[in-house]
Amino acid sequence: MTSKKNDHPAWVAPYLARLGVDAPESLGAPSLEALRRLHRAHVELIAFENFDIQLGRPQGIDPAESIARILAGRGGYCFNLNNAFSELLTVLGYDVTLHRGQINGSAASAKATAEEYATHMALTVVIDGERWSVDVGLANSHYEPIPLREGVHLQGPFRFELRPLPEIGPDAWRFLTDPAQTTFHSMDFTLAPAVWEDFISCHTEFSTSPKSPYVMWFELFRRDADGAEFVLDDEFTRDEGAGRRTTRLLESAEELFKLATDVFHLDLSAVDDADRAALWDRIQRAGAEWRAKQESAEK
């Protein structure tokens, strides 16, 4: 990981190759156009996924391990994806800052102070004096960087919004998902700089606690120009906004792993048949329990 080629660490070329950039010199100097290209490719080709957490073998989140996962054909969740991407952008010459963020299920569940933010690693990049929200680890949200400006930001079929949070502090912001999306409500973040070690405690809880959503439920996400695709437990959804959403039940472990390979671009060859069967049994039970709760709530 420390040898260099063309003044870049050895991992840069294979990382860029996963993003479809076989000639790194084609990126040129840091620019908004190149950043957009890299961001789009990342959310299209490197999935948000929690296979290892579901299998009881949680991964680490340090930059080296997160990058190694990507080179091995895997993804991860926000602590992996944004940590790795920030390292790549930094090596390529971008002005990147990590920030503490907080995922909100609703506005009512938001934290009262920025010091409490811990459940999301957010990134910003400054280009030509303007700061941009960069996020390849927020599941079905950003397709491209979003300028850090108050107001509505349209990306493909989705309508996002950024709002300052003066009641929290001068550096606090809220990113709101499209109202039609149902995976989460918003993500609050502070522009105060953070380091990746700030997220170790939350990662430990997220990856091991029986009450963690990543331990309880299986999640797999990717974005593209026309929408988002995701698997929650045993349901596969294609969401193209404005009510254009199709969902179907998966029927077998074979179907799940084929989908993960063909649609979500993951290399899961290291997961053996026994683990695939055990994971599928777990996913099916969790999905059935969720649907039973939903049906009960509607009565």
Protein backbone atom coordinates (compact mmCIF):
# COMPACT_ATOMS: atom_id res chain seq x y z
CA MET A 1 0.00 0.00 0.00
CA THR A 2 3.01 2.31 0.34
CA SER A 3 4.84 1.80 -2.99
CA LYS A 4 4.21 4.56 -5.49
CA LYS A 5 3.68 4.96 -9.21
CA ASN A 6 3.55 8.38 -10.83
CA ASP A 7 3.77 9.88 -7.31
CA HIS A 8 0.55 8.09 -6.28
CA PRO A 9 0.26 5.18 -3.83
CA ALA A 10 0.01 1.79 -5.55
CA TRP A 11 -3.68 1.42 -4.65
CA VAL A 12 -4.78 4.50 -6.62
CA ALA A 13 -4.73 2.94 -10.10
CA PRO A 14 -6.79 -0.16 -9.17
CA TYR A 15 -9.22 2.00 -7.17
CA LEU A 16 -9.71 4.25 -10.19
CA ALA A 17 -10.08 1.17 -12.39
CA ARG A 18 -13.05 0.10 -10.25
CA LEU A 19 -14.52 3.49 -11.11
CA GLY A 20 -13.98 2.90 -14.82
CA VAL A 21 -10.95 5.20 -15.00
CA ASP A 22 -8.26 3.11 -16.65
CA ALA A 23 -6.11 6.11 -17.52
CA PRO A 24 -5.69 8.23 -14.35
CA GLU A 25 -4.05 11.00 -16.34
CA SER A 26 -7.38 11.50 -18.13
CA LEU A 27 -8.73 13.10 -14.94
CA GLY A 28 -6.39 16.04 -15.24
CA ALA A 29 -5.95 18.50 -12.38
CA PRO A 30 -8.59 18.64 -9.63
CA SER A 31 -11.78 20.10 -11.08
CA LEU A 32 -15.51 20.06 -10.51
CA GLU A 33 -16.00 18.09 -13.72
CA ALA A 34 -13.59 15.36 -12.62
CA LEU A 35 -15.07 15.28 -9.11
CA ARG A 36 -18.53 14.77 -10.57
CA ARG A 37 -17.23 11.98 -12.78
CA LEU A 38 -15.63 10.19 -9.85
CA HIS A 39 -18.65 10.65 -7.60
CA ARG A 40 -21.11 9.32 -10.18
CA ALA A 41 -18.97 6.27 -10.84
CA HIS A 42 -18.55 5.57 -7.12
CA VAL A 43 -22.26 5.44 -6.29
CA GLU A 44 -23.01 3.46 -9.46
CA LEU A 45 -20.25 0.85 -9.11
CA ILE A 46 -19.35 0.53 -5.41
CA ALA A 47 -22.34 -0.52 -3.36
CA PHE A 48 -23.48 0.49 0.08
CA GLU A 49 -23.67 -2.96 1.73
CA ASN A 50 -23.57 -4.72 5.10
CA PHE A 51 -22.93 -8.35 4.12
CA ASP A 52 -20.07 -8.81 6.61
CA ILE A 53 -21.96 -7.28 9.52
CA GLN A 54 -24.91 -9.56 8.77
CA LEU A 55 -22.53 -12.55 8.69
CA GLY A 56 -21.18 -11.61 12.12
CA ARG A 57 -17.75 -10.66 10.78
CA PRO A 58 -17.77 -6.84 10.94
CA GLN A 59 -15.09 -5.03 8.97
CA GLY A 60 -12.86 -2.24 10.21
CA ILE A 61 -13.26 1.33 8.98
CA ASP A 62 -9.72 2.67 8.81
CA PRO A 63 -8.74 4.05 5.39
CA ALA A 64 -6.35 1.21 4.50
CA GLU A 65 -8.89 -1.54 5.20
CA SER A 66 -11.70 0.39 3.53
CA ILE A 67 -9.59 0.85 0.39
CA ALA A 68 -8.56 -2.81 0.44
CA ARG A 69 -12.24 -3.81 0.52
CA ILE A 70 -12.91 -1.73 -2.58
CA LEU A 71 -9.92 -3.22 -4.40
CA ALA A 72 -11.30 -6.68 -3.54
CA GLY A 73 -14.61 -5.89 -5.23
CA ARG A 74 -16.55 -5.02 -2.12
CA GLY A 75 -18.32 -1.94 -0.75
CA GLY A 76 -19.32 -1.07 2.79
CA TYR A 77 -21.34 1.54 4.63
CA CYS A 78 -20.68 5.24 5.14
CA PHE A 79 -17.63 4.84 7.38
CA ASN A 80 -15.96 2.68 4.73
CA LEU A 81 -17.13 4.38 1.56
CA ASN A 82 -16.61 8.02 2.52
CA ASN A 83 -13.36 7.24 4.35
CA ALA A 84 -11.91 5.50 1.28
CA PHE A 85 -13.19 8.16 -1.14
CA SER A 86 -11.75 10.96 0.98
CA GLU A 87 -8.33 9.27 0.84
CA LEU A 88 -8.57 8.90 -2.94
CA LEU A 89 -9.60 12.52 -3.44
CA THR A 90 -6.87 13.78 -1.12
CA VAL A 91 -4.19 11.85 -3.00
CA LEU A 92 -5.55 13.26 -6.27
CA GLY A 93 -5.11 16.77 -4.92
CA TYR A 94 -8.60 17.74 -3.72
CA ASP A 95 -9.26 19.85 -0.61
CA VAL A 96 -11.32 17.37 1.44
CA THR A 97 -12.65 17.61 4.99
CA LEU A 98 -14.38 14.94 7.09
CA HIS A 99 -17.32 15.98 9.29
CA ARG A 100 -19.50 14.40 11.96
CA GLY A 101 -23.05 13.77 10.81
CA GLN A 102 -26.27 12.32 12.20
CA ILE A 103 -28.93 10.32 10.36
CA ASN A 104 -32.48 11.27 11.34
CA GLY A 105 -35.48 8.97 11.03
CA SER A 106 -37.64 12.06 11.51
CA ALA A 107 -37.20 15.72 12.38
CA ALA A 108 -38.35 14.93 15.91
CA SER A 109 -35.45 12.51 16.44
CA ALA A 110 -32.76 15.06 15.50
CA LYS A 111 -30.03 15.81 18.04
CA ALA A 112 -30.05 19.08 19.97
CA THR A 113 -26.32 19.81 19.61
CA ALA A 114 -23.69 19.15 16.96
CA GLU A 115 -21.49 17.52 19.61
CA GLU A 116 -23.96 14.60 19.58
CA TYR A 117 -23.55 13.93 15.85
CA ALA A 118 -21.90 10.55 15.35
CA THR A 119 -23.85 8.19 13.09
CA HIS A 120 -22.62 9.42 9.70
CA MET A 121 -19.28 10.44 8.23
CA ALA A 122 -19.93 13.41 5.94
CA LEU A 123 -17.49 14.96 3.47
CA THR A 124 -17.06 18.36 1.88
CA VAL A 125 -14.70 19.40 -0.90
CA VAL A 126 -13.72 22.99 -1.68
CA ILE A 127 -13.22 23.79 -5.38
CA ASP A 128 -12.58 27.31 -6.67
CA GLY A 129 -13.61 28.75 -3.32
CA GLU A 130 -16.98 26.95 -3.11
CA ARG A 131 -17.73 24.13 -0.69
CA TRP A 132 -19.56 21.03 -1.96
CA SER A 133 -21.33 18.25 -0.08
CA VAL A 134 -19.76 14.99 -1.28
CA ASP A 135 -21.31 11.72 -0.13
CA VAL A 136 -20.81 8.26 -1.66
CA GLY A 137 -21.99 6.58 1.55
CA LEU A 138 -25.51 7.93 2.05
CA ALA A 139 -27.34 5.00 0.43
CA ASN A 140 -29.88 6.30 -2.11
CA SER A 141 -29.14 10.04 -1.92
CA HIS A 142 -26.32 11.95 -3.69
CA TYR A 143 -25.60 11.05 -7.28
CA GLU A 144 -23.22 13.98 -7.71
CA PRO A 145 -21.67 16.56 -5.36
CA ILE A 146 -24.17 19.18 -4.15
CA PRO A 147 -23.13 22.81 -3.63
CA LEU A 148 -23.40 23.83 0.00
CA ARG A 149 -26.12 26.38 -0.68
CA GLU A 150 -29.47 26.73 1.01
CA GLY A 151 -32.34 25.56 -1.16
CA VAL A 152 -33.61 22.75 -3.37
CA HIS A 153 -31.17 20.67 -5.42
CA LEU A 154 -32.47 18.40 -8.18
CA GLN A 155 -30.56 15.27 -9.16
CA GLY A 156 -32.23 13.05 -11.72
CA PRO A 157 -35.74 12.24 -10.47
CA PHE A 158 -35.04 13.24 -6.87
CA ARG A 159 -35.52 16.54 -5.06
CA PHE A 160 -33.08 17.17 -2.22
CA GLU A 161 -32.78 20.19 0.06
CA LEU A 162 -30.06 21.81 2.13
CA ARG A 163 -30.89 24.04 5.10
CA PRO A 164 -28.64 25.77 7.63
CA LEU A 165 -29.44 24.96 11.26
CA PRO A 166 -28.81 28.24 13.14
CA GLU A 167 -30.51 26.81 16.22
CA ILE A 168 -27.67 24.26 16.40
CA GLY A 169 -24.84 26.57 15.40
CA PRO A 170 -23.31 28.56 12.54
CA ASP A 171 -21.61 25.49 11.05
CA ALA A 172 -24.59 23.10 11.19
CA TRP A 173 -26.55 21.99 8.13
CA ARG A 174 -29.39 19.62 7.30
CA PHE A 175 -29.60 17.53 4.13
CA LEU A 176 -33.17 16.42 3.47
CA THR A 177 -33.94 13.48 1.20
CA ASP A 178 -36.65 13.55 -1.44
CA PRO A 179 -40.03 13.53 0.36
CA ALA A 180 -41.02 10.44 -1.65
CA GLN A 181 -38.02 8.46 -0.37
CA THR A 182 -38.67 6.43 2.73
CA THR A 183 -35.29 5.08 3.84
CA PHE A 184 -34.47 8.05 6.13
CA HIS A 185 -35.66 11.61 6.69
CA SER A 186 -32.51 13.73 6.79
CA MET A 187 -28.85 13.94 7.70
CA ASP A 188 -27.54 16.73 9.92
CA PHE A 189 -23.84 17.59 9.86
CA THR A 190 -21.42 20.13 11.25
CA LEU A 191 -18.68 21.74 9.19
CA ALA A 192 -16.28 21.39 12.11
CA PRO A 193 -13.43 19.14 10.90
CA ALA A 194 -13.35 15.53 12.07
CA VAL A 195 -10.95 12.59 11.78
CA TRP A 196 -11.94 9.03 10.96
CA GLU A 197 -11.09 7.86 14.48
CA ASP A 198 -14.03 9.94 15.75
CA PHE A 199 -16.36 7.29 14.31
CA ILE A 200 -14.79 4.15 15.80
CA SER A 201 -17.14 3.99 18.79
CA CYS A 202 -20.26 4.37 16.66
CA HIS A 203 -18.96 1.81 14.17
CA THR A 204 -18.41 -0.70 16.97
CA GLU A 205 -22.00 -0.25 18.12
CA PHE A 206 -23.41 -0.29 14.59
CA SER A 207 -21.53 -3.43 13.63
CA THR A 208 -22.02 -5.51 16.79
CA SER A 209 -25.03 -4.37 18.85
CA PRO A 210 -28.16 -6.56 18.49
CA LYS A 211 -30.15 -3.30 18.40
CA SER A 212 -28.18 -1.85 15.49
CA PRO A 213 -30.17 -1.48 12.25
CA TYR A 214 -27.18 -2.90 10.36
CA VAL A 215 -27.21 -6.01 12.55
CA MET A 216 -31.01 -6.40 12.46
CA TRP A 217 -31.59 -5.72 8.75
CA PHE A 218 -29.82 -6.43 5.50
CA GLU A 219 -29.15 -3.40 3.26
CA LEU A 220 -27.77 -3.01 -0.25
CA PHE A 221 -27.90 0.26 -2.26
CA ARG A 222 -26.67 1.87 -5.45
CA ARG A 223 -27.52 5.07 -7.36
CA ASP A 224 -27.59 5.88 -11.06
CA ALA A 225 -28.68 8.81 -13.21
CA ASP A 226 -32.31 7.66 -13.36
CA GLY A 227 -32.93 6.55 -9.78
CA ALA A 228 -31.86 4.17 -7.05
CA GLU A 229 -31.88 0.42 -6.55
CA PHE A 230 -31.83 -1.27 -3.18
CA VAL A 231 -32.42 -4.49 -1.31
CA LEU A 232 -33.87 -4.32 2.21
CA ASP A 233 -33.93 -7.82 3.69
CA ASP A 234 -35.59 -9.94 0.97
CA GLU A 235 -37.20 -7.13 -1.05
CA PHE A 236 -35.60 -5.62 -4.17
CA THR A 237 -36.76 -2.11 -5.14
CA ARG A 238 -36.14 0.08 -8.16
CA ASP A 239 -37.07 3.71 -7.32
CA GLU A 240 -37.25 6.31 -10.09
CA GLY A 241 -39.01 9.00 -8.07
CA ALA A 242 -42.48 10.56 -8.35
CA GLY A 243 -44.19 7.31 -7.42
CA ARG A 244 -42.34 5.25 -10.04
CA ARG A 245 -41.29 2.48 -7.70
CA THR A 246 -41.36 -1.28 -8.20
CA THR A 247 -40.68 -3.83 -5.47
CA ARG A 248 -40.51 -7.59 -5.63
CA LEU A 249 -39.69 -10.38 -3.19
CA LEU A 250 -36.50 -12.30 -3.78
CA GLU A 251 -37.01 -16.06 -3.76
CA SER A 252 -33.63 -17.61 -2.96
CA ALA A 253 -30.07 -17.07 -1.84
CA GLU A 254 -28.99 -17.73 -5.42
CA GLU A 255 -31.18 -14.87 -6.66
CA LEU A 256 -29.85 -12.50 -3.99
CA PHE A 257 -26.20 -13.23 -4.73
CA LYS A 258 -26.71 -13.05 -8.49
CA LEU A 259 -28.36 -9.64 -8.03
CA ALA A 260 -25.50 -8.50 -5.80
CA THR A 261 -23.03 -9.53 -8.50
CA ASP A 262 -24.82 -8.44 -11.67
CA VAL A 263 -26.61 -5.28 -10.50
CA PHE A 264 -24.59 -4.10 -7.50
CA HIS A 265 -21.16 -5.05 -8.92
CA LEU A 266 -19.97 -6.94 -5.83
CA ASP A 267 -17.45 -9.78 -5.72
CA LEU A 268 -18.81 -12.14 -3.07
CA SER A 269 -16.89 -15.22 -4.17
CA ALA A 270 -15.34 -15.51 -0.71
CA VAL A 271 -18.77 -16.14 0.88
CA ASP A 272 -19.22 -19.92 0.97
CA ASP A 273 -22.45 -21.88 0.46
CA ALA A 274 -23.08 -22.39 4.19
CA ASP A 275 -22.81 -18.67 4.91
CA ARG A 276 -25.03 -17.85 1.93
CA ALA A 277 -27.73 -20.21 3.19
CA ALA A 278 -27.50 -18.89 6.77
CA LEU A 279 -27.63 -15.28 5.60
CA TRP A 280 -30.62 -15.97 3.37
CA ASP A 281 -32.49 -17.63 6.25
CA ARG A 282 -31.78 -14.61 8.46
CA ILE A 283 -32.85 -12.15 5.76
CA GLN A 284 -36.09 -13.98 5.04
CA ARG A 285 -37.08 -14.10 8.70
CA ALA A 286 -36.33 -10.39 9.17
CA GLY A 287 -38.34 -9.51 6.07
CA ALA A 288 -41.32 -11.58 7.18
CA GLU A 289 -41.25 -10.00 10.64
CA TRP A 290 -41.14 -6.50 9.12
CA ARG A 291 -44.08 -7.16 6.82
CA ALA A 292 -46.10 -8.62 9.70
CA LYS A 293 -45.50 -5.48 11.76
CA GLN A 294 -46.51 -3.27 8.84
CA GLU A 295 -49.70 -5.25 8.28
CA SER A 296 -50.55 -5.10 11.99
CA ALA A 297 -50.00 -1.32 12.07
CA GLU A 298 -52.38 -0.84 9.11
CA LYS A 299 -55.26 -2.69 10.77
